[in-house]
Amino acid sequence: MSEPQNNERTFEESLLELERMVRELEDGRLGLEDALARYEQGVGLIKACYQQLRQAEQRILLLTGIDDEQQPILQPFKHEATAVAKKR
């Protein structure tokens, strides 16, 4: 059974796979070689996720208005939390 390459997975699929790998590693049932292999696969998935996030970030632009030629004025999206956290 062949697994898809990191670049063929969606971001969400990669996160689910990472969660599964973490559970396997935390379970402690894997041998050393299998644990190391899972760890290395996880590092690859994390790198792929960061790459996907960087690509998505570059695509996000904030519309700030319209110029004299009726063209949209865009600026890069700023990394700021805007939602208020709910108290539990």
N, C-alpha and C. Protein backbone atom coordinates (compact mmCIF):
# COMPACT_ATOMS: atom_id res chain seq x y z
N MET A 1 0.85 -1.18 0.00
CA MET A 1 0.00 0.00 0.00
C MET A 1 0.89 1.23 0.00
N SER A 2 0.79 2.08 -1.01
CA SER A 2 1.63 3.26 -1.07
C SER A 2 0.87 4.47 -0.55
N GLU A 3 1.55 5.27 0.27
CA GLU A 3 0.94 6.47 0.82
C GLU A 3 1.20 7.63 -0.13
N PRO A 4 0.26 8.61 -0.20
CA PRO A 4 0.50 9.76 -1.05
C PRO A 4 1.66 10.58 -0.52
N GLN A 5 2.33 11.27 -1.41
CA GLN A 5 3.42 12.15 -1.02
C GLN A 5 2.85 13.34 -0.24
N ASN A 6 3.71 14.02 0.56
CA ASN A 6 3.29 15.15 1.37
C ASN A 6 2.60 16.23 0.54
N ASN A 7 3.11 16.49 -0.67
CA ASN A 7 2.55 17.56 -1.48
C ASN A 7 1.22 17.19 -2.10
N GLU A 8 0.81 15.92 -1.99
CA GLU A 8 -0.48 15.50 -2.52
C GLU A 8 -1.57 15.56 -1.45
N ARG A 9 -1.20 15.70 -0.20
CA ARG A 9 -2.16 15.77 0.90
C ARG A 9 -2.63 17.20 1.08
N THR A 10 -3.88 17.32 1.52
CA THR A 10 -4.34 18.64 1.91
C THR A 10 -3.73 18.98 3.27
N PHE A 11 -3.83 20.22 3.65
CA PHE A 11 -3.32 20.66 4.95
C PHE A 11 -4.01 19.88 6.06
N GLU A 12 -5.33 19.75 5.93
CA GLU A 12 -6.10 19.05 6.95
C GLU A 12 -5.73 17.58 7.04
N GLU A 13 -5.51 16.95 5.90
CA GLU A 13 -5.09 15.54 5.90
C GLU A 13 -3.73 15.38 6.57
N SER A 14 -2.84 16.32 6.33
CA SER A 14 -1.52 16.27 6.95
C SER A 14 -1.63 16.41 8.46
N LEU A 15 -2.49 17.30 8.93
CA LEU A 15 -2.67 17.47 10.37
C LEU A 15 -3.23 16.21 11.00
N LEU A 16 -4.21 15.60 10.35
CA LEU A 16 -4.77 14.35 10.87
C LEU A 16 -3.72 13.25 10.93
N GLU A 17 -2.89 13.17 9.91
CA GLU A 17 -1.82 12.18 9.89
C GLU A 17 -0.81 12.45 11.00
N LEU A 18 -0.48 13.72 11.23
CA LEU A 18 0.43 14.07 12.32
C LEU A 18 -0.15 13.66 13.67
N GLU A 19 -1.45 13.92 13.86
CA GLU A 19 -2.10 13.54 15.12
C GLU A 19 -2.03 12.02 15.32
N ARG A 20 -2.25 11.26 14.25
CA ARG A 20 -2.18 9.81 14.33
C ARG A 20 -0.77 9.36 14.71
N MET A 21 0.24 9.99 14.09
CA MET A 21 1.62 9.64 14.38
C MET A 21 1.97 9.95 15.84
N VAL A 22 1.51 11.09 16.33
CA VAL A 22 1.79 11.46 17.72
C VAL A 22 1.18 10.43 18.67
N ARG A 23 -0.06 10.02 18.37
CA ARG A 23 -0.71 9.00 19.22
C ARG A 23 0.10 7.70 19.22
N GLU A 24 0.57 7.29 18.04
CA GLU A 24 1.38 6.07 17.94
C GLU A 24 2.67 6.19 18.75
N LEU A 25 3.31 7.35 18.66
CA LEU A 25 4.56 7.56 19.38
C LEU A 25 4.32 7.62 20.89
N GLU A 26 3.24 8.27 21.30
CA GLU A 26 2.93 8.37 22.72
C GLU A 26 2.50 7.04 23.31
N ASP A 27 1.91 6.19 22.48
CA ASP A 27 1.45 4.89 22.93
C ASP A 27 2.61 4.02 23.42
N GLY A 28 3.77 4.20 22.82
CA GLY A 28 4.95 3.48 23.26
C GLY A 28 5.06 2.05 22.78
N ARG A 29 4.22 1.65 21.87
CA ARG A 29 4.24 0.26 21.38
C ARG A 29 5.17 0.07 20.18
N LEU A 30 5.64 1.15 19.60
CA LEU A 30 6.53 1.04 18.44
C LEU A 30 7.94 0.73 18.88
N GLY A 31 8.63 -0.05 18.08
CA GLY A 31 10.05 -0.26 18.33
C GLY A 31 10.83 0.99 17.97
N LEU A 32 12.08 0.99 18.32
CA LEU A 32 12.93 2.17 18.09
C LEU A 32 12.96 2.57 16.62
N GLU A 33 13.20 1.62 15.73
CA GLU A 33 13.30 1.94 14.30
C GLU A 33 11.98 2.48 13.75
N ASP A 34 10.86 1.86 14.15
CA ASP A 34 9.55 2.34 13.69
C ASP A 34 9.25 3.73 14.26
N ALA A 35 9.61 3.95 15.51
CA ALA A 35 9.38 5.26 16.13
C ALA A 35 10.19 6.33 15.43
N LEU A 36 11.46 6.02 15.11
CA LEU A 36 12.30 6.99 14.39
C LEU A 36 11.74 7.27 13.00
N ALA A 37 11.26 6.22 12.34
CA ALA A 37 10.68 6.41 11.00
C ALA A 37 9.45 7.30 11.08
N ARG A 38 8.58 7.07 12.07
CA ARG A 38 7.38 7.91 12.23
C ARG A 38 7.77 9.36 12.53
N TYR A 39 8.78 9.52 13.39
CA TYR A 39 9.25 10.85 13.72
C TYR A 39 9.73 11.59 12.47
N GLU A 40 10.52 10.91 11.66
CA GLU A 40 11.03 11.52 10.42
C GLU A 40 9.89 11.86 9.47
N GLN A 41 8.90 10.97 9.37
CA GLN A 41 7.74 11.26 8.53
C GLN A 41 6.99 12.47 9.06
N GLY A 42 6.88 12.56 10.38
CA GLY A 42 6.20 13.69 11.00
C GLY A 42 6.89 15.01 10.72
N VAL A 43 8.23 15.00 10.79
CA VAL A 43 8.99 16.21 10.48
C VAL A 43 8.73 16.64 9.03
N GLY A 44 8.68 15.67 8.13
CA GLY A 44 8.37 15.98 6.73
C GLY A 44 6.98 16.57 6.58
N LEU A 45 6.01 16.02 7.30
CA LEU A 45 4.65 16.56 7.24
C LEU A 45 4.58 17.97 7.80
N ILE A 46 5.31 18.21 8.88
CA ILE A 46 5.32 19.56 9.47
C ILE A 46 5.91 20.56 8.47
N LYS A 47 6.98 20.19 7.81
CA LYS A 47 7.57 21.08 6.81
C LYS A 47 6.58 21.35 5.68
N ALA A 48 5.88 20.31 5.25
CA ALA A 48 4.88 20.49 4.18
C ALA A 48 3.76 21.41 4.64
N CYS A 49 3.32 21.26 5.90
CA CYS A 49 2.26 22.12 6.44
C CYS A 49 2.71 23.58 6.47
N TYR A 50 3.93 23.82 6.95
CA TYR A 50 4.44 25.18 6.99
C TYR A 50 4.53 25.78 5.59
N GLN A 51 4.94 24.97 4.62
CA GLN A 51 5.01 25.45 3.24
C GLN A 51 3.62 25.82 2.74
N GLN A 52 2.63 24.97 3.03
CA GLN A 52 1.26 25.27 2.60
C GLN A 52 0.75 26.54 3.27
N LEU A 53 1.09 26.73 4.55
CA LEU A 53 0.67 27.96 5.24
C LEU A 53 1.33 29.19 4.64
N ARG A 54 2.61 29.09 4.30
CA ARG A 54 3.30 30.23 3.67
C ARG A 54 2.66 30.57 2.32
N GLN A 55 2.34 29.54 1.56
CA GLN A 55 1.71 29.78 0.26
C GLN A 55 0.34 30.43 0.43
N ALA A 56 -0.42 29.96 1.39
CA ALA A 56 -1.75 30.54 1.64
C ALA A 56 -1.61 31.98 2.11
N GLU A 57 -0.64 32.24 2.96
CA GLU A 57 -0.41 33.59 3.47
C GLU A 57 -0.12 34.56 2.34
N GLN A 58 0.65 34.12 1.37
CA GLN A 58 1.00 34.98 0.26
C GLN A 58 -0.21 35.30 -0.61
N ARG A 59 -1.21 34.44 -0.56
CA ARG A 59 -2.41 34.66 -1.37
C ARG A 59 -3.42 35.56 -0.68
N ILE A 60 -3.27 35.75 0.62
CA ILE A 60 -4.23 36.55 1.36
C ILE A 60 -3.83 38.02 1.30
N LEU A 61 -4.68 38.81 0.74
CA LEU A 61 -4.45 40.25 0.68
C LEU A 61 -5.66 40.96 1.25
N LEU A 62 -5.43 42.09 1.84
CA LEU A 62 -6.50 42.87 2.43
C LEU A 62 -6.86 44.00 1.48
N LEU A 63 -8.12 44.07 1.12
CA LEU A 63 -8.60 45.15 0.26
C LEU A 63 -8.74 46.40 1.11
N THR A 64 -7.99 47.46 0.75
CA THR A 64 -8.01 48.68 1.56
C THR A 64 -8.71 49.84 0.87
N GLY A 65 -9.16 49.67 -0.35
CA GLY A 65 -9.86 50.73 -1.05
C GLY A 65 -9.72 50.59 -2.55
N ILE A 66 -10.05 51.68 -3.26
CA ILE A 66 -9.98 51.71 -4.72
C ILE A 66 -9.20 52.96 -5.11
N ASP A 67 -8.26 52.81 -6.07
CA ASP A 67 -7.46 53.95 -6.49
C ASP A 67 -8.22 54.78 -7.53
N ASP A 68 -7.57 55.80 -8.07
CA ASP A 68 -8.19 56.71 -9.03
C ASP A 68 -8.65 56.01 -10.31
N GLU A 69 -8.01 54.90 -10.64
CA GLU A 69 -8.37 54.15 -11.85
C GLU A 69 -9.33 53.01 -11.55
N GLN A 70 -9.96 53.07 -10.39
CA GLN A 70 -10.94 52.07 -9.95
C GLN A 70 -10.34 50.67 -9.78
N GLN A 71 -9.05 50.63 -9.52
CA GLN A 71 -8.37 49.37 -9.24
C GLN A 71 -8.29 49.16 -7.74
N PRO A 72 -8.43 47.94 -7.27
CA PRO A 72 -8.37 47.70 -5.82
C PRO A 72 -6.98 47.99 -5.27
N ILE A 73 -6.94 48.56 -4.10
CA ILE A 73 -5.69 48.78 -3.37
C ILE A 73 -5.56 47.63 -2.38
N LEU A 74 -4.49 46.88 -2.50
CA LEU A 74 -4.29 45.71 -1.66
C LEU A 74 -3.05 45.88 -0.80
N GLN A 75 -3.08 45.29 0.37
CA GLN A 75 -1.90 45.25 1.22
C GLN A 75 -1.81 43.87 1.84
N PRO A 76 -0.61 43.44 2.21
CA PRO A 76 -0.47 42.10 2.81
C PRO A 76 -1.28 41.98 4.09
N PHE A 77 -1.79 40.78 4.30
CA PHE A 77 -2.55 40.48 5.50
C PHE A 77 -1.61 40.45 6.70
N LYS A 78 -2.01 41.10 7.81
CA LYS A 78 -1.19 41.14 9.02
C LYS A 78 -1.60 40.01 9.94
N HIS A 79 -0.62 39.43 10.60
CA HIS A 79 -0.86 38.30 11.50
C HIS A 79 -1.30 38.83 12.86
N GLU A 80 -2.56 39.07 13.03
CA GLU A 80 -3.06 39.55 14.31
C GLU A 80 -4.33 38.79 14.66
N ALA A 81 -4.43 38.44 15.92
CA ALA A 81 -5.66 37.80 16.37
C ALA A 81 -6.73 38.87 16.48
N THR A 82 -7.88 38.61 15.91
CA THR A 82 -8.97 39.60 15.96
C THR A 82 -10.15 39.10 16.74
N ALA A 83 -10.23 37.80 16.97
CA ALA A 83 -11.35 37.24 17.70
C ALA A 83 -11.09 37.32 19.20
N VAL A 84 -12.15 37.52 19.94
CA VAL A 84 -12.04 37.54 21.39
C VAL A 84 -12.25 36.12 21.89
N ALA A 85 -11.35 35.66 22.72
CA ALA A 85 -11.45 34.29 23.24
C ALA A 85 -12.61 34.20 24.22
N LYS A 86 -13.35 33.08 24.13
CA LYS A 86 -14.46 32.86 25.04
C LYS A 86 -13.94 32.37 26.37
N LYS A 87 -14.55 32.86 27.45
CA LYS A 87 -14.18 32.38 28.79
C LYS A 87 -14.94 31.10 29.05
N ARG A 88 -14.25 30.15 29.64
CA ARG A 88 -14.87 28.86 29.95
C ARG A 88 -15.12 28.71 31.40
